[in-house]
Amino acid sequence: MKRPPREELVARFAPGRSFLDVGAMWSVHGAIAFAARDAGATAVTALDVMAPTPEFLERQGDVRFVQGDVHDPGVTMPHDVVWCSGVLYHAPNPVLTLERLRDLTTELLILQTMTLPELPGVKQGLVFYPGVPNARLYARWGEQAARSLRLPEPGEDQYAPWWWGISQSALFAMLRAADFEPVEHWGDPFAVHVLARPRG
């Protein structure tokens, strides 16, 4: 499937459903949450470990904001549709992250993540980024990304680094381990969107 614009994707699934945007702030200031509201979602929540940005607060209106970590047991806010973009490769334990997303998803997860091409001879391969030699090989995502293939600095947010390079076959296996069934996906070897439905 050809990659549709993000707003088109939101417009396809948000109308008439509750919508949760996980990781809503970084560099986008709640743009997806606002797109869901404008598309006719019944209720919209933006969740992030970051505080709301001034740009978000200017437009907030009836979009609920929760500052918190998706991994915290106290974050219990199931929504019909959950959007999670640019989060999974920042998670030290991506299977746990997917399990928490499963707890929050009643109908559909829309997941976007950076990936790696399949590793020769290795199905469901992963690369652990911190300490990887020659991090400049990964500069295709930009110099900032290449500098993020490391452990957190003392006192730094544990989600600041890029922890994992995940092949698409590994990603689909992880989704199934977390009780999702991938139903549609598109992208290229280095980035993918996946639509996944909760199983059971």
Protein backbone atom coordinates (compact mmCIF):
# COMPACT_ATOMS: atom_id res chain seq x y z
CA MET A 1 0.00 0.00 0.00
CA LYS A 2 1.25 3.47 -0.84
CA ARG A 3 1.91 5.56 2.24
CA PRO A 4 -0.96 8.01 2.79
CA PRO A 5 -0.43 11.36 4.49
CA ARG A 6 -0.74 11.12 8.28
CA GLU A 7 -3.82 13.32 8.33
CA GLU A 8 -5.52 11.10 5.74
CA LEU A 9 -4.81 8.08 7.90
CA VAL A 10 -6.26 9.79 10.96
CA ALA A 11 -9.31 10.87 8.97
CA ARG A 12 -9.86 7.24 7.96
CA PHE A 13 -10.01 5.86 11.50
CA ALA A 14 -10.74 8.66 14.00
CA PRO A 15 -14.35 9.65 13.17
CA GLY A 16 -16.81 8.38 15.75
CA ARG A 17 -14.09 6.75 17.87
CA SER A 18 -12.06 7.72 20.92
CA PHE A 19 -8.45 8.46 19.98
CA LEU A 20 -5.22 8.36 21.99
CA ASP A 21 -1.96 9.86 20.71
CA VAL A 22 1.00 8.31 22.57
CA GLY A 23 4.11 10.49 22.39
CA ALA A 24 2.15 13.49 21.21
CA MET A 25 4.56 16.36 21.87
CA TRP A 26 8.05 15.85 20.45
CA SER A 27 8.46 18.21 17.49
CA VAL A 28 4.76 17.97 16.48
CA HIS A 29 3.01 19.70 19.42
CA GLY A 30 -0.06 17.47 19.38
CA ALA A 31 -0.65 17.73 15.61
CA ILE A 32 -2.05 14.19 15.36
CA ALA A 33 -4.35 14.66 18.33
CA PHE A 34 -5.72 17.84 16.75
CA ALA A 35 -6.14 16.06 13.40
CA ALA A 36 -8.19 13.38 15.17
CA ARG A 37 -10.35 16.00 16.86
CA ASP A 38 -10.91 17.81 13.57
CA ALA A 39 -11.77 14.51 11.87
CA GLY A 40 -14.60 13.86 14.32
CA ALA A 41 -13.17 11.67 17.06
CA THR A 42 -15.55 11.40 20.01
CA ALA A 43 -12.80 12.05 22.57
CA VAL A 44 -9.08 12.74 22.12
CA THR A 45 -6.24 12.30 24.59
CA ALA A 46 -2.61 13.28 24.09
CA LEU A 47 -0.10 11.38 26.27
CA ASP A 48 3.58 12.23 26.66
CA VAL A 49 6.36 12.14 29.24
CA MET A 50 7.08 15.72 28.17
CA ALA A 51 5.10 18.67 29.46
CA PRO A 52 2.70 20.21 26.93
CA THR A 53 4.43 22.68 24.65
CA PRO A 54 3.21 26.27 24.30
CA GLU A 55 2.16 25.46 20.74
CA PHE A 56 -0.04 22.65 22.06
CA LEU A 57 -1.58 24.79 24.80
CA GLU A 58 -2.52 27.47 22.27
CA ARG A 59 -4.73 24.96 20.42
CA GLN A 60 -5.68 22.55 23.21
CA GLY A 61 -9.41 23.20 23.51
CA ASP A 62 -11.17 19.94 24.38
CA VAL A 63 -8.13 17.70 23.73
CA ARG A 64 -7.23 16.10 27.05
CA PHE A 65 -3.53 16.11 27.92
CA VAL A 66 -1.94 13.57 30.25
CA GLN A 67 1.70 13.93 31.22
CA GLY A 68 2.86 10.43 31.98
CA ASP A 69 4.72 7.35 30.85
CA VAL A 70 2.83 4.72 28.86
CA HIS A 71 4.63 2.12 30.98
CA ASP A 72 3.23 3.40 34.29
CA PRO A 73 0.54 1.07 35.70
CA GLY A 74 -1.47 4.16 36.63
CA VAL A 75 -1.85 5.13 32.97
CA THR A 76 -5.13 3.36 32.34
CA MET A 77 -7.07 5.04 29.58
CA PRO A 78 -8.29 2.58 26.94
CA HIS A 79 -9.27 4.21 23.64
CA ASP A 80 -10.73 2.78 20.45
CA VAL A 81 -7.83 3.95 18.30
CA VAL A 82 -4.26 4.42 19.55
CA TRP A 83 -1.67 6.28 17.50
CA CYS A 84 1.98 5.72 18.42
CA SER A 85 4.65 7.25 16.20
CA GLY A 86 8.39 7.51 16.77
CA VAL A 87 8.31 5.82 20.17
CA LEU A 88 9.12 2.11 19.90
CA TYR A 89 12.82 2.37 18.99
CA HIS A 90 13.28 4.75 21.96
CA ALA A 91 11.94 2.12 24.39
CA PRO A 92 14.47 0.01 26.30
CA ASN A 93 11.95 -2.87 26.33
CA PRO A 94 9.87 -2.66 23.13
CA VAL A 95 7.80 -5.77 23.88
CA LEU A 96 6.72 -4.25 27.20
CA THR A 97 5.84 -1.04 25.35
CA LEU A 98 3.69 -2.99 22.90
CA GLU A 99 1.99 -4.84 25.77
CA ARG A 100 1.12 -1.50 27.38
CA LEU A 101 -0.21 -0.23 24.04
CA ARG A 102 -2.33 -3.39 23.88
CA ASP A 103 -3.79 -2.53 27.30
CA LEU A 104 -4.82 0.86 25.91
CA THR A 105 -6.18 -0.25 22.51
CA THR A 106 -9.72 -1.55 22.09
CA GLU A 107 -10.04 -1.49 18.25
CA LEU A 108 -6.91 -0.43 16.36
CA LEU A 109 -3.26 0.47 16.91
CA ILE A 110 -1.62 2.72 14.31
CA LEU A 111 2.10 2.27 14.86
CA GLN A 112 4.88 4.10 13.05
CA THR A 113 8.47 3.20 13.77
CA MET A 114 11.92 3.28 12.25
CA THR A 115 13.11 -0.16 11.20
CA LEU A 116 16.12 -1.89 9.71
CA PRO A 117 16.34 -4.00 6.56
CA GLU A 118 16.15 -7.73 7.19
CA LEU A 119 19.49 -9.08 8.35
CA PRO A 120 21.01 -11.63 5.93
CA GLY A 121 20.32 -15.13 7.16
CA VAL A 122 18.57 -13.91 10.31
CA LYS A 123 14.79 -13.79 10.49
CA GLN A 124 13.35 -11.43 13.14
CA GLY A 125 16.72 -9.77 13.68
CA LEU A 126 17.42 -6.82 15.97
CA VAL A 127 20.37 -4.50 16.52
CA PHE A 128 21.05 -3.15 20.00
CA TYR A 129 22.22 0.37 19.24
CA PRO A 130 24.10 1.59 22.35
CA GLY A 131 27.78 1.04 21.72
CA VAL A 132 27.31 -0.12 18.12
CA PRO A 133 30.54 0.44 16.18
CA ASN A 134 30.51 3.04 13.41
CA ALA A 135 27.24 4.71 14.34
CA ARG A 136 27.66 6.96 11.29
CA LEU A 137 26.35 4.07 9.21
CA TYR A 138 22.96 4.98 10.63
CA ALA A 139 23.20 8.67 9.75
CA ARG A 140 20.58 8.20 6.99
CA TRP A 141 18.11 9.33 9.68
CA GLY A 142 20.17 12.47 10.33
CA GLU A 143 23.15 13.37 12.46
CA GLN A 144 21.04 13.76 15.60
CA ALA A 145 19.79 10.20 15.22
CA ALA A 146 23.32 8.90 14.70
CA ARG A 147 24.38 10.65 17.91
CA SER A 148 21.46 9.00 19.75
CA LEU A 149 22.69 5.42 19.34
CA ARG A 150 23.99 5.31 22.91
CA LEU A 151 23.04 4.78 26.53
CA PRO A 152 21.34 7.67 28.37
CA GLU A 153 23.61 10.26 29.93
CA PRO A 154 23.45 10.58 33.76
CA GLY A 155 20.17 12.29 34.66
CA GLU A 156 18.87 12.07 31.08
CA ASP A 157 15.46 10.69 30.14
CA GLN A 158 15.79 6.95 29.45
CA TYR A 159 13.82 7.42 26.22
CA ALA A 160 16.25 9.92 24.69
CA PRO A 161 18.51 7.36 22.96
CA TRP A 162 17.62 5.09 20.06
CA TRP A 163 17.85 1.67 21.74
CA TRP A 164 16.80 -0.77 19.02
CA GLY A 165 17.04 -1.32 15.31
CA ILE A 166 14.10 -3.62 14.62
CA SER A 167 13.59 -5.53 11.40
CA GLN A 168 10.02 -5.65 10.13
CA SER A 169 9.79 -9.40 10.67
CA ALA A 170 10.85 -8.87 14.30
CA LEU A 171 8.32 -6.06 14.66
CA PHE A 172 5.44 -8.23 13.46
CA ALA A 173 6.55 -11.04 15.79
CA MET A 174 6.68 -8.61 18.71
CA LEU A 175 3.20 -7.32 17.90
CA ARG A 176 1.85 -10.88 17.95
CA ALA A 177 3.67 -11.58 21.23
CA ALA A 178 1.88 -8.53 22.67
CA ASP A 179 -1.49 -9.89 21.47
CA PHE A 180 -1.91 -7.74 18.37
CA GLU A 181 -2.53 -8.99 14.84
CA PRO A 182 -0.93 -6.84 12.11
CA VAL A 183 -3.52 -6.35 9.35
CA GLU A 184 -1.94 -3.77 7.04
CA HIS A 185 1.45 -2.15 6.64
CA TRP A 186 3.43 0.06 4.27
CA GLY A 187 6.74 1.87 4.16
CA ASP A 188 10.27 0.91 3.22
CA PRO A 189 13.00 -1.14 4.92
CA PHE A 190 13.90 1.82 7.15
CA ALA A 191 10.46 2.97 8.35
CA VAL A 192 7.04 1.39 8.50
CA HIS A 193 3.44 2.11 9.42
CA VAL A 194 1.49 -0.85 10.78
CA LEU A 195 -2.21 -1.18 11.49
CA ALA A 196 -2.75 -3.84 14.15
CA ARG A 197 -5.90 -5.10 15.84
CA PRO A 198 -6.08 -6.50 19.37
CA ARG A 199 -6.54 -10.26 19.47
CA GLY A 200 -8.90 -12.05 21.80
